[in-house]
Amino acid sequence: MEEEEKNTNENEQQNNIEQNYLSHLYPAQNGPDYDLVKIIEEMLFYYGTTYSIEKIAGLDSIKHYIKEEIIESLSNKDNLKNKKLKDVLLYGGPGVGKTFLVKAFSKQENIKILNFHPSNLISQLNKEKEKVIKIIFDIAKFYSPSILFIDEIDLLYYNGEDAINIELLNQIENINSNNYNSGIKNIIIIGATNRPWKLNDKILNLFEKKIYVPLLKEKERKKLLENNFEKCKLDKNVNFDIIDKLTEGFTGADIYSICQDAMYEPIKRKLEEDINFLEKESSKNVDLIITMEDINKAIKNGIKTVRKKDLDEFKNFEKKYEIK
């Protein structure tokens, strides 16, 4: 809870600082789209709970690519003149860490990362969807060098809403045409999707770099488990090497849920002894020790979000588009 409150406060502070586009567009604090722009800008700079890049287990090659090829390139104007930066599509099953990968870089000093989630913006601003897309890209241009992260980009492609698709394509093509800012591309689009096959060929072709975000491997899962339990008191019988093997096939989000369930087991034991346990002041000083049995129970009850069928679909997608 403390971590979430801290992140919420940081986001509120950042929102206050980052209202420059709104004040630039409407210095008198009023205008035909003042409220609309205000809502969009606040949403784009809200990240929710974020983690440092060091806390994200595994996926080292992807973290390296984002850091070296995107963050550092955008931070260096000389690189921008000599390097053709590519828009990136991150794809993989739900809960594998696509969103966390990008949000972990959200505190960069020189690069603004705008977080666009279609389900938030489009649902709340239902009547003016094409205008919303245009405003989002106008804000990205204002804050350039910037990264526009479109999470679950496939949500823009439902019910045959061609107007949104056309506007999104036009905006990305406009950025890639290098017709502004002295011909330098200083905005990178990063899209994320669980279902890349839902995107049409036109939008897929705009993402020159397509990166598969896989399930965590052995040892990577162990690091994630250790990170999740680092503030907990563990029984001496807890063996992370064994747990690592038992969690094969689970996503990072699945493993987080398993850890949360295991953490609740010692509380349940105390409640069985005394139903009013949590209401007592003395409960704050009681050691809640997590056992190997608690973790095994949580794993047994855990659900694997990504199925073999999903993994096969990703392979078929890679084969179709010759992604290596």
C-alpha atoms as a PDB file:
ATOM      1  CA  MET A   1       0.000   0.000   0.000  1.00  0.00           C
ATOM      2  CA  GLU A   2       2.820   2.398   0.883  1.00  0.00           C
ATOM      3  CA  GLU A   3       4.425   1.803  -2.516  1.00  0.00           C
ATOM      4  CA  GLU A   4       1.143   2.476  -4.319  1.00  0.00           C
ATOM      5  CA  GLU A   5       0.548   5.674  -2.315  1.00  0.00           C
ATOM      6  CA  LYS A   6       4.072   6.824  -3.097  1.00  0.00           C
ATOM      7  CA  ASN A   7       3.528   6.230  -6.813  1.00  0.00           C
ATOM      8  CA  THR A   8       0.160   8.009  -6.688  1.00  0.00           C
ATOM      9  CA  ASN A   9       1.743  11.061  -5.036  1.00  0.00           C
ATOM     10  CA  GLU A  10       4.569  11.069  -7.574  1.00  0.00           C
ATOM     11  CA  ASN A  11       2.038  10.906 -10.412  1.00  0.00           C
ATOM     12  CA  GLU A  12       0.054  13.806  -8.932  1.00  0.00           C
ATOM     13  CA  GLN A  13       3.222  15.868  -8.657  1.00  0.00           C
ATOM     14  CA  GLN A  14       4.206  14.949 -12.193  1.00  0.00           C
ATOM     15  CA  ASN A  15       0.745  15.871 -13.500  1.00  0.00           C
ATOM     16  CA  ASN A  16       1.113  19.340 -11.985  1.00  0.00           C
ATOM     17  CA  ILE A  17       4.498  19.773 -13.643  1.00  0.00           C
ATOM     18  CA  GLU A  18       3.597  18.297 -16.998  1.00  0.00           C
ATOM     19  CA  GLN A  19       0.623  20.519 -17.779  1.00  0.00           C
ATOM     20  CA  ASN A  20       2.840  22.642 -20.043  1.00  0.00           C
ATOM     21  CA  TYR A  21       1.102  21.566 -23.240  1.00  0.00           C
ATOM     22  CA  LEU A  22      -2.275  22.589 -21.861  1.00  0.00           C
ATOM     23  CA  SER A  23      -1.009  25.999 -20.751  1.00  0.00           C
ATOM     24  CA  HIS A  24       0.860  26.379 -24.066  1.00  0.00           C
ATOM     25  CA  LEU A  25      -2.294  25.664 -26.051  1.00  0.00           C
ATOM     26  CA  TYR A  26      -4.628  27.611 -23.772  1.00  0.00           C
ATOM     27  CA  PRO A  27      -2.662  30.258 -21.869  1.00  0.00           C
ATOM     28  CA  ALA A  28      -5.946  31.838 -20.752  1.00  0.00           C
ATOM     29  CA  GLN A  29      -7.044  28.446 -19.359  1.00  0.00           C
ATOM     30  CA  ASN A  30     -10.085  28.195 -21.563  1.00  0.00           C
ATOM     31  CA  GLY A  31     -10.929  27.213 -25.104  1.00  0.00           C
ATOM     32  CA  PRO A  32     -13.120  24.869 -27.176  1.00  0.00           C
ATOM     33  CA  ASP A  33     -11.199  21.679 -26.213  1.00  0.00           C
ATOM     34  CA  TYR A  34      -9.654  22.816 -22.929  1.00  0.00           C
ATOM     35  CA  ASP A  35     -11.302  20.148 -20.757  1.00  0.00           C
ATOM     36  CA  LEU A  36     -10.680  17.419 -23.314  1.00  0.00           C
ATOM     37  CA  VAL A  37      -6.965  18.204 -23.610  1.00  0.00           C
ATOM     38  CA  LYS A  38      -6.660  18.427 -19.819  1.00  0.00           C
ATOM     39  CA  ILE A  39      -8.139  14.946 -19.347  1.00  0.00           C
ATOM     40  CA  ILE A  40      -5.969  13.430 -22.075  1.00  0.00           C
ATOM     41  CA  GLU A  41      -2.753  14.994 -20.822  1.00  0.00           C
ATOM     42  CA  GLU A  42      -3.394  13.861 -17.256  1.00  0.00           C
ATOM     43  CA  MET A  43      -4.029  10.314 -18.454  1.00  0.00           C
ATOM     44  CA  LEU A  44      -0.934  10.225 -20.645  1.00  0.00           C
ATOM     45  CA  PHE A  45       1.296  11.117 -17.714  1.00  0.00           C
ATOM     46  CA  TYR A  46      -0.284   8.703 -15.244  1.00  0.00           C
ATOM     47  CA  TYR A  47       1.650   5.461 -14.776  1.00  0.00           C
ATOM     48  CA  GLY A  48       0.150   3.851 -11.673  1.00  0.00           C
ATOM     49  CA  THR A  49       2.477   1.505  -9.822  1.00  0.00           C
ATOM     50  CA  THR A  50       5.878   1.282 -11.493  1.00  0.00           C
ATOM     51  CA  TYR A  51       8.995  -0.721 -10.760  1.00  0.00           C
ATOM     52  CA  SER A  52      12.634   0.068 -11.315  1.00  0.00           C
ATOM     53  CA  ILE A  53      14.238  -1.733 -14.233  1.00  0.00           C
ATOM     54  CA  GLU A  54      16.408  -3.678 -11.781  1.00  0.00           C
ATOM     55  CA  LYS A  55      13.270  -5.213 -10.239  1.00  0.00           C
ATOM     56  CA  ILE A  56      12.099  -6.680 -13.541  1.00  0.00           C
ATOM     57  CA  ALA A  57      13.397 -10.229 -13.711  1.00  0.00           C
ATOM     58  CA  GLY A  58      14.909 -11.518 -16.941  1.00  0.00           C
ATOM     59  CA  LEU A  59      14.121 -10.136 -20.414  1.00  0.00           C
ATOM     60  CA  ASP A  60      17.639  -8.673 -20.470  1.00  0.00           C
ATOM     61  CA  SER A  61      17.971  -8.430 -24.247  1.00  0.00           C
ATOM     62  CA  ILE A  62      14.701  -6.476 -24.502  1.00  0.00           C
ATOM     63  CA  LYS A  63      15.668  -4.134 -21.648  1.00  0.00           C
ATOM     64  CA  HIS A  64      19.010  -3.591 -23.369  1.00  0.00           C
ATOM     65  CA  TYR A  65      17.324  -2.770 -26.693  1.00  0.00           C
ATOM     66  CA  ILE A  66      14.955  -0.230 -25.128  1.00  0.00           C
ATOM     67  CA  LYS A  67      17.785   1.402 -23.193  1.00  0.00           C
ATOM     68  CA  GLU A  68      20.407   1.451 -25.954  1.00  0.00           C
ATOM     69  CA  GLU A  69      18.374   1.799 -29.137  1.00  0.00           C
ATOM     70  CA  ILE A  70      15.525   3.983 -27.898  1.00  0.00           C
ATOM     71  CA  ILE A  71      16.236   5.843 -24.659  1.00  0.00           C
ATOM     72  CA  GLU A  72      19.887   6.658 -25.313  1.00  0.00           C
ATOM     73  CA  SER A  73      19.320   7.388 -28.996  1.00  0.00           C
ATOM     74  CA  LEU A  74      16.522   9.846 -28.229  1.00  0.00           C
ATOM     75  CA  SER A  75      18.672  11.466 -25.553  1.00  0.00           C
ATOM     76  CA  ASN A  76      21.459  12.249 -28.016  1.00  0.00           C
ATOM     77  CA  LYS A  77      20.679  14.766 -30.765  1.00  0.00           C
ATOM     78  CA  ASP A  78      23.720  13.675 -32.760  1.00  0.00           C
ATOM     79  CA  ASN A  79      22.365  10.108 -32.794  1.00  0.00           C
ATOM     80  CA  LEU A  80      19.049  11.373 -34.096  1.00  0.00           C
ATOM     81  CA  LYS A  81      20.750  12.926 -37.113  1.00  0.00           C
ATOM     82  CA  ASN A  82      22.660   9.782 -38.037  1.00  0.00           C
ATOM     83  CA  LYS A  83      20.356   6.975 -37.020  1.00  0.00           C
ATOM     84  CA  LYS A  84      17.018   5.750 -38.344  1.00  0.00           C
ATOM     85  CA  LEU A  85      15.000   4.965 -35.232  1.00  0.00           C
ATOM     86  CA  LYS A  86      12.397   2.235 -35.494  1.00  0.00           C
ATOM     87  CA  ASP A  87       8.952   2.072 -33.952  1.00  0.00           C
ATOM     88  CA  VAL A  88       8.587  -1.064 -31.846  1.00  0.00           C
ATOM     89  CA  LEU A  89       5.798  -3.569 -31.330  1.00  0.00           C
ATOM     90  CA  LEU A  90       6.099  -5.643 -28.156  1.00  0.00           C
ATOM     91  CA  TYR A  91       3.955  -8.758 -28.331  1.00  0.00           C
ATOM     92  CA  GLY A  92       3.442 -11.715 -26.034  1.00  0.00           C
ATOM     93  CA  GLY A  93       0.931 -13.229 -23.666  1.00  0.00           C
ATOM     94  CA  PRO A  94      -0.890 -11.222 -20.984  1.00  0.00           C
ATOM     95  CA  GLY A  95       1.161 -10.740 -17.833  1.00  0.00           C
ATOM     96  CA  VAL A  96       4.601 -11.410 -19.341  1.00  0.00           C
ATOM     97  CA  GLY A  97       5.854  -7.882 -18.572  1.00  0.00           C
ATOM     98  CA  LYS A  98       5.353  -5.823 -21.748  1.00  0.00           C
ATOM     99  CA  THR A  99       3.832  -2.882 -19.887  1.00  0.00           C
ATOM    100  CA  PHE A 100       6.274  -3.038 -16.961  1.00  0.00           C
ATOM    101  CA  LEU A 101       9.208  -3.004 -19.392  1.00  0.00           C
ATOM    102  CA  VAL A 102       8.212   0.384 -20.769  1.00  0.00           C
ATOM    103  CA  LYS A 103       6.923   1.920 -17.536  1.00  0.00           C
ATOM    104  CA  ALA A 104      10.179   1.025 -15.781  1.00  0.00           C
ATOM    105  CA  PHE A 105      11.844   3.702 -17.933  1.00  0.00           C
ATOM    106  CA  SER A 106       9.196   6.332 -17.132  1.00  0.00           C
ATOM    107  CA  LYS A 107      11.435   8.415 -14.849  1.00  0.00           C
ATOM    108  CA  GLN A 108      13.968   9.361 -17.515  1.00  0.00           C
ATOM    109  CA  GLU A 109      15.046  12.971 -17.161  1.00  0.00           C
ATOM    110  CA  ASN A 110      15.398  13.863 -20.836  1.00  0.00           C
ATOM    111  CA  ILE A 111      12.746  11.662 -22.404  1.00  0.00           C
ATOM    112  CA  LYS A 112       9.036  11.988 -21.848  1.00  0.00           C
ATOM    113  CA  ILE A 113       7.094   8.714 -21.938  1.00  0.00           C
ATOM    114  CA  LEU A 114       3.395   9.127 -22.668  1.00  0.00           C
ATOM    115  CA  ASN A 115       1.272   6.192 -21.577  1.00  0.00           C
ATOM    116  CA  PHE A 116      -1.755   5.714 -23.841  1.00  0.00           C
ATOM    117  CA  HIS A 117      -4.139   2.899 -22.956  1.00  0.00           C
ATOM    118  CA  PRO A 118      -7.050   2.794 -25.426  1.00  0.00           C
ATOM    119  CA  SER A 119      -9.503   1.306 -22.916  1.00  0.00           C
ATOM    120  CA  ASN A 120      -9.038   4.337 -20.634  1.00  0.00           C
ATOM    121  CA  LEU A 121      -9.106   7.105 -23.198  1.00  0.00           C
ATOM    122  CA  ILE A 122     -11.476   5.828 -25.816  1.00  0.00           C
ATOM    123  CA  SER A 123     -14.120   4.603 -23.367  1.00  0.00           C
ATOM    124  CA  GLN A 124     -14.146   7.868 -21.412  1.00  0.00           C
ATOM    125  CA  LEU A 125     -14.025  10.063 -24.494  1.00  0.00           C
ATOM    126  CA  ASN A 126     -16.419   8.048 -26.574  1.00  0.00           C
ATOM    127  CA  LYS A 127     -17.796  10.782 -28.822  1.00  0.00           C
ATOM    128  CA  GLU A 128     -14.604  12.237 -30.287  1.00  0.00           C
ATOM    129  CA  LYS A 129     -12.280   9.317 -30.850  1.00  0.00           C
ATOM    130  CA  GLU A 130     -10.452  10.584 -33.918  1.00  0.00           C
ATOM    131  CA  LYS A 131      -9.911  13.947 -32.241  1.00  0.00           C
ATOM    132  CA  VAL A 132      -8.534  12.135 -29.183  1.00  0.00           C
ATOM    133  CA  ILE A 133      -5.945  10.337 -31.335  1.00  0.00           C
ATOM    134  CA  LYS A 134      -4.859  13.614 -32.941  1.00  0.00           C
ATOM    135  CA  ILE A 135      -4.513  15.374 -29.572  1.00  0.00           C
ATOM    136  CA  ILE A 136      -2.439  12.489 -28.222  1.00  0.00           C
ATOM    137  CA  PHE A 137       0.039  12.810 -31.083  1.00  0.00           C
ATOM    138  CA  ASP A 138       0.082  16.614 -30.781  1.00  0.00           C
ATOM    139  CA  ILE A 139       1.064  16.199 -27.119  1.00  0.00           C
ATOM    140  CA  ALA A 140       3.775  13.678 -28.059  1.00  0.00           C
ATOM    141  CA  LYS A 141       5.200  16.181 -30.564  1.00  0.00           C
ATOM    142  CA  PHE A 142       5.137  18.986 -27.997  1.00  0.00           C
ATOM    143  CA  TYR A 143       7.134  16.923 -25.487  1.00  0.00           C
ATOM    144  CA  SER A 144       9.582  15.475 -28.016  1.00  0.00           C
ATOM    145  CA  PRO A 145      11.971  13.799 -27.752  1.00  0.00           C
ATOM    146  CA  SER A 146       9.348  11.419 -26.469  1.00  0.00           C
ATOM    147  CA  ILE A 147       8.045   7.890 -26.479  1.00  0.00           C
ATOM    148  CA  LEU A 148       4.369   7.265 -27.100  1.00  0.00           C
ATOM    149  CA  PHE A 149       3.509   3.924 -25.528  1.00  0.00           C
ATOM    150  CA  ILE A 150       0.233   2.476 -26.851  1.00  0.00           C
ATOM    151  CA  ASP A 151      -0.678  -0.373 -24.524  1.00  0.00           C
ATOM    152  CA  GLU A 152      -2.984  -3.077 -25.895  1.00  0.00           C
ATOM    153  CA  ILE A 153      -2.998  -1.366 -29.259  1.00  0.00           C
ATOM    154  CA  ASP A 154      -5.271  -4.073 -30.668  1.00  0.00           C
ATOM    155  CA  LEU A 155      -8.149  -2.538 -28.657  1.00  0.00           C
ATOM    156  CA  LEU A 156      -8.237   0.252 -31.226  1.00  0.00           C
ATOM    157  CA  TYR A 157      -9.213  -2.314 -33.829  1.00  0.00           C
ATOM    158  CA  TYR A 158     -12.652  -3.468 -32.795  1.00  0.00           C
ATOM    159  CA  ASN A 159     -16.104  -3.192 -34.359  1.00  0.00           C
ATOM    160  CA  GLY A 160     -14.528  -2.061 -37.631  1.00  0.00           C
ATOM    161  CA  GLU A 161     -13.993   1.506 -36.466  1.00  0.00           C
ATOM    162  CA  ASP A 162     -12.126   2.577 -39.573  1.00  0.00           C
ATOM    163  CA  ALA A 163     -12.002   6.259 -38.637  1.00  0.00           C
ATOM    164  CA  ILE A 164      -9.772   5.511 -35.641  1.00  0.00           C
ATOM    165  CA  ASN A 165      -7.582   3.172 -37.676  1.00  0.00           C
ATOM    166  CA  ILE A 166      -7.120   5.739 -40.431  1.00  0.00           C
ATOM    167  CA  GLU A 167      -6.328   8.531 -37.962  1.00  0.00           C
ATOM    168  CA  LEU A 168      -3.790   6.365 -36.118  1.00  0.00           C
ATOM    169  CA  LEU A 169      -2.112   5.362 -39.370  1.00  0.00           C
ATOM    170  CA  ASN A 170      -2.013   8.964 -40.578  1.00  0.00           C
ATOM    171  CA  GLN A 171      -0.467  10.195 -37.351  1.00  0.00           C
ATOM    172  CA  ILE A 172       2.243   7.519 -37.262  1.00  0.00           C
ATOM    173  CA  GLU A 173       3.002   8.020 -40.941  1.00  0.00           C
ATOM    174  CA  ASN A 174       3.249  11.769 -40.344  1.00  0.00           C
ATOM    175  CA  ILE A 175       5.878  11.212 -37.662  1.00  0.00           C
ATOM    176  CA  ASN A 176       7.785   8.764 -39.824  1.00  0.00           C
ATOM    177  CA  SER A 177       7.725  11.056 -42.840  1.00  0.00           C
ATOM    178  CA  ASN A 178      10.348  13.263 -41.131  1.00  0.00           C
ATOM    179  CA  ASN A 179       8.570  16.380 -42.360  1.00  0.00           C
ATOM    180  CA  TYR A 180       9.021  18.319 -39.131  1.00  0.00           C
ATOM    181  CA  ASN A 181      11.794  19.235 -36.697  1.00  0.00           C
ATOM    182  CA  SER A 182      14.529  19.506 -39.366  1.00  0.00           C
ATOM    183  CA  GLY A 183      13.851  16.039 -40.682  1.00  0.00           C
ATOM    184  CA  ILE A 184      14.767  14.359 -37.396  1.00  0.00           C
ATOM    185  CA  LYS A 185      12.557  11.593 -36.041  1.00  0.00           C
ATOM    186  CA  ASN A 186      12.429  12.266 -32.323  1.00  0.00           C
ATOM    187  CA  ILE A 187       9.255  10.418 -31.365  1.00  0.00           C
ATOM    188  CA  ILE A 188       9.216   6.656 -31.006  1.00  0.00           C
ATOM    189  CA  ILE A 189       5.982   4.689 -30.968  1.00  0.00           C
ATOM    190  CA  ILE A 190       6.014   1.560 -28.831  1.00  0.00           C
ATOM    191  CA  GLY A 191       2.939  -0.615 -29.163  1.00  0.00           C
ATOM    192  CA  ALA A 192       2.102  -3.582 -26.955  1.00  0.00           C
ATOM    193  CA  THR A 193      -0.371  -6.347 -27.677  1.00  0.00           C
ATOM    194  CA  ASN A 194      -1.384  -9.815 -26.550  1.00  0.00           C
ATOM    195  CA  ARG A 195      -2.881 -10.474 -29.972  1.00  0.00           C
ATOM    196  CA  PRO A 196      -0.638  -9.171 -32.769  1.00  0.00           C
ATOM    197  CA  TRP A 197      -2.657 -11.107 -35.353  1.00  0.00           C
ATOM    198  CA  LYS A 198      -5.572  -8.728 -34.668  1.00  0.00           C
ATOM    199  CA  LEU A 199      -3.615  -5.847 -36.191  1.00  0.00           C
ATOM    200  CA  ASN A 200      -3.925  -5.272 -39.906  1.00  0.00           C
ATOM    201  CA  ASP A 201      -0.928  -5.364 -42.220  1.00  0.00           C
ATOM    202  CA  LYS A 202      -0.779  -1.592 -42.602  1.00  0.00           C
ATOM    203  CA  ILE A 203      -0.278  -0.952 -38.909  1.00  0.00           C
ATOM    204  CA  LEU A 204       2.037  -3.963 -38.514  1.00  0.00           C
ATOM    205  CA  ASN A 205       4.261  -2.664 -41.305  1.00  0.00           C
ATOM    206  CA  LEU A 206       4.685   0.662 -39.498  1.00  0.00           C
ATOM    207  CA  PHE A 207       6.323  -1.174 -36.590  1.00  0.00           C
ATOM    208  CA  GLU A 208       9.632  -2.034 -38.212  1.00  0.00           C
ATOM    209  CA  LYS A 209      10.904  -3.726 -35.046  1.00  0.00           C
ATOM    210  CA  LYS A 210       8.727  -6.504 -33.637  1.00  0.00           C
ATOM    211  CA  ILE A 211       9.881  -8.045 -30.347  1.00  0.00           C
ATOM    212  CA  TYR A 212       8.423 -11.134 -28.736  1.00  0.00           C
ATOM    213  CA  VAL A 213       8.252 -10.947 -24.938  1.00  0.00           C
ATOM    214  CA  PRO A 214       8.434 -14.580 -23.784  1.00  0.00           C
ATOM    215  CA  LEU A 215       7.651 -16.356 -20.552  1.00  0.00           C
ATOM    216  CA  LEU A 216      10.411 -16.122 -17.965  1.00  0.00           C
ATOM    217  CA  LYS A 217      13.045 -18.827 -18.013  1.00  0.00           C
ATOM    218  CA  GLU A 218      14.496 -20.838 -15.146  1.00  0.00           C
ATOM    219  CA  LYS A 219      16.580 -18.621 -12.813  1.00  0.00           C
ATOM    220  CA  GLU A 220      14.644 -15.592 -14.114  1.00  0.00           C
ATOM    221  CA  ARG A 221      11.581 -16.882 -12.289  1.00  0.00           C
ATOM    222  CA  LYS A 222      13.738 -17.442  -9.216  1.00  0.00           C
ATOM    223  CA  LYS A 223      14.824 -13.803  -9.228  1.00  0.00           C
ATOM    224  CA  LEU A 224      11.213 -12.666  -9.530  1.00  0.00           C
ATOM    225  CA  LEU A 225      10.183 -14.908  -6.636  1.00  0.00           C
ATOM    226  CA  GLU A 226      13.000 -13.581  -4.463  1.00  0.00           C
ATOM    227  CA  ASN A 227      11.996 -10.000  -5.321  1.00  0.00           C
ATOM    228  CA  ASN A 228       8.372 -10.649  -4.358  1.00  0.00           C
ATOM    229  CA  PHE A 229       9.267 -12.280  -1.050  1.00  0.00           C
ATOM    230  CA  GLU A 230      12.175  -9.998  -0.116  1.00  0.00           C
ATOM    231  CA  LYS A 231      10.265  -8.212   2.671  1.00  0.00           C
ATOM    232  CA  CYS A 232       8.607 -11.368   4.009  1.00  0.00           C
ATOM    233  CA  LYS A 233       9.678 -13.718   6.794  1.00  0.00           C
ATOM    234  CA  LEU A 234      10.234 -17.154   5.318  1.00  0.00           C
ATOM    235  CA  ASP A 235      10.533 -20.500   7.013  1.00  0.00           C
ATOM    236  CA  LYS A 236      13.920 -22.169   6.667  1.00  0.00           C
ATOM    237  CA  ASN A 237      12.311 -24.897   4.520  1.00  0.00           C
ATOM    238  CA  VAL A 238      11.544 -22.459   1.667  1.00  0.00           C
ATOM    239  CA  ASN A 239      13.645 -23.470  -1.345  1.00  0.00           C
ATOM    240  CA  PHE A 240      13.583 -21.044  -4.272  1.00  0.00           C
ATOM    241  CA  ASP A 241      15.299 -23.496  -6.624  1.00  0.00           C
ATOM    242  CA  ILE A 242      12.424 -25.936  -6.175  1.00  0.00           C
ATOM    243  CA  ILE A 243       9.806 -23.187  -6.470  1.00  0.00           C
ATOM    244  CA  ASP A 244      11.530 -21.958  -9.639  1.00  0.00           C
ATOM    245  CA  LYS A 245      10.949 -25.325 -11.320  1.00  0.00           C
ATOM    246  CA  LEU A 246       7.385 -25.603 -10.015  1.00  0.00           C
ATOM    247  CA  THR A 247       6.422 -22.260 -11.573  1.00  0.00           C
ATOM    248  CA  GLU A 248       7.493 -23.148 -15.114  1.00  0.00           C
ATOM    249  CA  GLY A 249       4.890 -21.920 -17.599  1.00  0.00           C
ATOM    250  CA  PHE A 250       3.523 -19.206 -15.316  1.00  0.00           C
ATOM    251  CA  THR A 251       3.774 -15.568 -16.383  1.00  0.00           C
ATOM    252  CA  GLY A 252       5.305 -12.874 -14.205  1.00  0.00           C
ATOM    253  CA  ALA A 253       1.795 -11.706 -13.280  1.00  0.00           C
ATOM    254  CA  ASP A 254       0.796 -15.285 -12.437  1.00  0.00           C
ATOM    255  CA  ILE A 255       3.820 -15.617 -10.158  1.00  0.00           C
ATOM    256  CA  TYR A 256       2.989 -12.321  -8.456  1.00  0.00           C
ATOM    257  CA  SER A 257      -0.509 -13.664  -7.705  1.00  0.00           C
ATOM    258  CA  ILE A 258       0.965 -16.898  -6.362  1.00  0.00           C
ATOM    259  CA  CYS A 259       3.238 -14.937  -4.027  1.00  0.00           C
ATOM    260  CA  GLN A 260       0.315 -12.805  -2.805  1.00  0.00           C
ATOM    261  CA  ASP A 261      -1.743 -15.921  -2.081  1.00  0.00           C
ATOM    262  CA  ALA A 262       1.160 -17.520  -0.212  1.00  0.00           C
ATOM    263  CA  MET A 263       1.618 -14.368   1.875  1.00  0.00           C
ATOM    264  CA  TYR A 264      -1.995 -14.595   3.011  1.00  0.00           C
ATOM    265  CA  GLU A 265      -1.712 -18.187   4.272  1.00  0.00           C
ATOM    266  CA  PRO A 266      -0.097 -17.350   7.666  1.00  0.00           C
ATOM    267  CA  ILE A 267      -2.768 -14.682   8.190  1.00  0.00           C
ATOM    268  CA  LYS A 268      -5.466 -17.268   7.535  1.00  0.00           C
ATOM    269  CA  ARG A 269      -3.892 -19.534  10.141  1.00  0.00           C
ATOM    270  CA  LYS A 270      -4.000 -16.740  12.713  1.00  0.00           C
ATOM    271  CA  LEU A 271      -7.630 -15.953  11.841  1.00  0.00           C
ATOM    272  CA  GLU A 272      -8.559 -19.594  12.352  1.00  0.00           C
ATOM    273  CA  GLU A 273      -7.138 -19.313  15.875  1.00  0.00           C
ATOM    274  CA  ASP A 274      -8.725 -15.927  16.531  1.00  0.00           C
ATOM    275  CA  ILE A 275     -11.255 -14.417  14.151  1.00  0.00           C
ATOM    276  CA  ASN A 276     -10.547 -10.958  15.579  1.00  0.00           C
ATOM    277  CA  PHE A 277      -6.796 -11.273  15.087  1.00  0.00           C
ATOM    278  CA  LEU A 278      -6.423  -8.431  12.569  1.00  0.00           C
ATOM    279  CA  GLU A 279      -8.389  -6.005  14.736  1.00  0.00           C
ATOM    280  CA  LYS A 280      -6.023  -6.337  17.683  1.00  0.00           C
ATOM    281  CA  GLU A 281      -3.113  -3.958  18.176  1.00  0.00           C
ATOM    282  CA  SER A 282      -0.918  -6.889  19.146  1.00  0.00           C
ATOM    283  CA  SER A 283      -1.288  -8.391  15.647  1.00  0.00           C
ATOM    284  CA  LYS A 284       1.244  -5.855  14.332  1.00  0.00           C
ATOM    285  CA  ASN A 285       4.010  -7.497  16.367  1.00  0.00           C
ATOM    286  CA  VAL A 286       3.231 -11.092  15.382  1.00  0.00           C
ATOM    287  CA  ASP A 287       5.661 -12.813  13.053  1.00  0.00           C
ATOM    288  CA  LEU A 288       3.831 -14.100   9.981  1.00  0.00           C
ATOM    289  CA  ILE A 289       6.098 -16.793   8.619  1.00  0.00           C
ATOM    290  CA  ILE A 290       5.517 -18.185   5.126  1.00  0.00           C
ATOM    291  CA  THR A 291       6.290 -21.872   4.723  1.00  0.00           C
ATOM    292  CA  MET A 292       7.116 -24.015   1.724  1.00  0.00           C
ATOM    293  CA  GLU A 293       3.701 -25.620   2.170  1.00  0.00           C
ATOM    294  CA  ASP A 294       2.051 -22.198   1.831  1.00  0.00           C
ATOM    295  CA  ILE A 295       3.852 -21.578  -1.454  1.00  0.00           C
ATOM    296  CA  ASN A 296       3.128 -25.082  -2.776  1.00  0.00           C
ATOM    297  CA  LYS A 297      -0.571 -24.583  -2.028  1.00  0.00           C
ATOM    298  CA  ALA A 298      -0.581 -21.249  -3.866  1.00  0.00           C
ATOM    299  CA  ILE A 299       1.150 -22.798  -6.886  1.00  0.00           C
ATOM    300  CA  LYS A 300      -1.330 -25.687  -6.922  1.00  0.00           C
ATOM    301  CA  ASN A 301      -4.225 -23.222  -6.954  1.00  0.00           C
ATOM    302  CA  GLY A 302      -2.508 -20.904  -9.455  1.00  0.00           C
ATOM    303  CA  ILE A 303      -3.766 -20.499 -13.003  1.00  0.00           C
ATOM    304  CA  LYS A 304      -1.501 -20.294 -16.042  1.00  0.00           C
ATOM    305  CA  THR A 305      -2.669 -17.314 -18.090  1.00  0.00           C
ATOM    306  CA  VAL A 306      -0.760 -18.269 -21.236  1.00  0.00           C
ATOM    307  CA  ARG A 307      -1.760 -21.610 -22.725  1.00  0.00           C
ATOM    308  CA  LYS A 308       0.072 -23.821 -25.197  1.00  0.00           C
ATOM    309  CA  LYS A 309      -2.475 -22.730 -27.817  1.00  0.00           C
ATOM    310  CA  ASP A 310      -1.391 -19.108 -27.263  1.00  0.00           C
ATOM    311  CA  LEU A 311       2.294 -19.990 -27.644  1.00  0.00           C
ATOM    312  CA  ASP A 312       1.518 -21.789 -30.916  1.00  0.00           C
ATOM    313  CA  GLU A 313      -0.318 -18.692 -32.198  1.00  0.00           C
ATOM    314  CA  PHE A 314       2.726 -16.530 -31.487  1.00  0.00           C
ATOM    315  CA  LYS A 315       4.897 -18.979 -33.415  1.00  0.00           C
ATOM    316  CA  ASN A 316       2.491 -18.902 -36.348  1.00  0.00           C
ATOM    317  CA  PHE A 317       2.504 -15.099 -36.282  1.00  0.00           C
ATOM    318  CA  GLU A 318       6.314 -15.018 -36.363  1.00  0.00           C
ATOM    319  CA  LYS A 319       6.378 -17.496 -39.217  1.00  0.00           C
ATOM    320  CA  LYS A 320       3.825 -15.508 -41.230  1.00  0.00           C
ATOM    321  CA  TYR A 321       5.723 -12.239 -40.905  1.00  0.00           C
ATOM    322  CA  GLU A 322       9.192 -13.833 -40.962  1.00  0.00           C
ATOM    323  CA  ILE A 323      10.127 -12.396 -37.564  1.00  0.00           C
ATOM    324  CA  LYS A 324      13.441 -13.599 -36.194  1.00  0.00           C
END
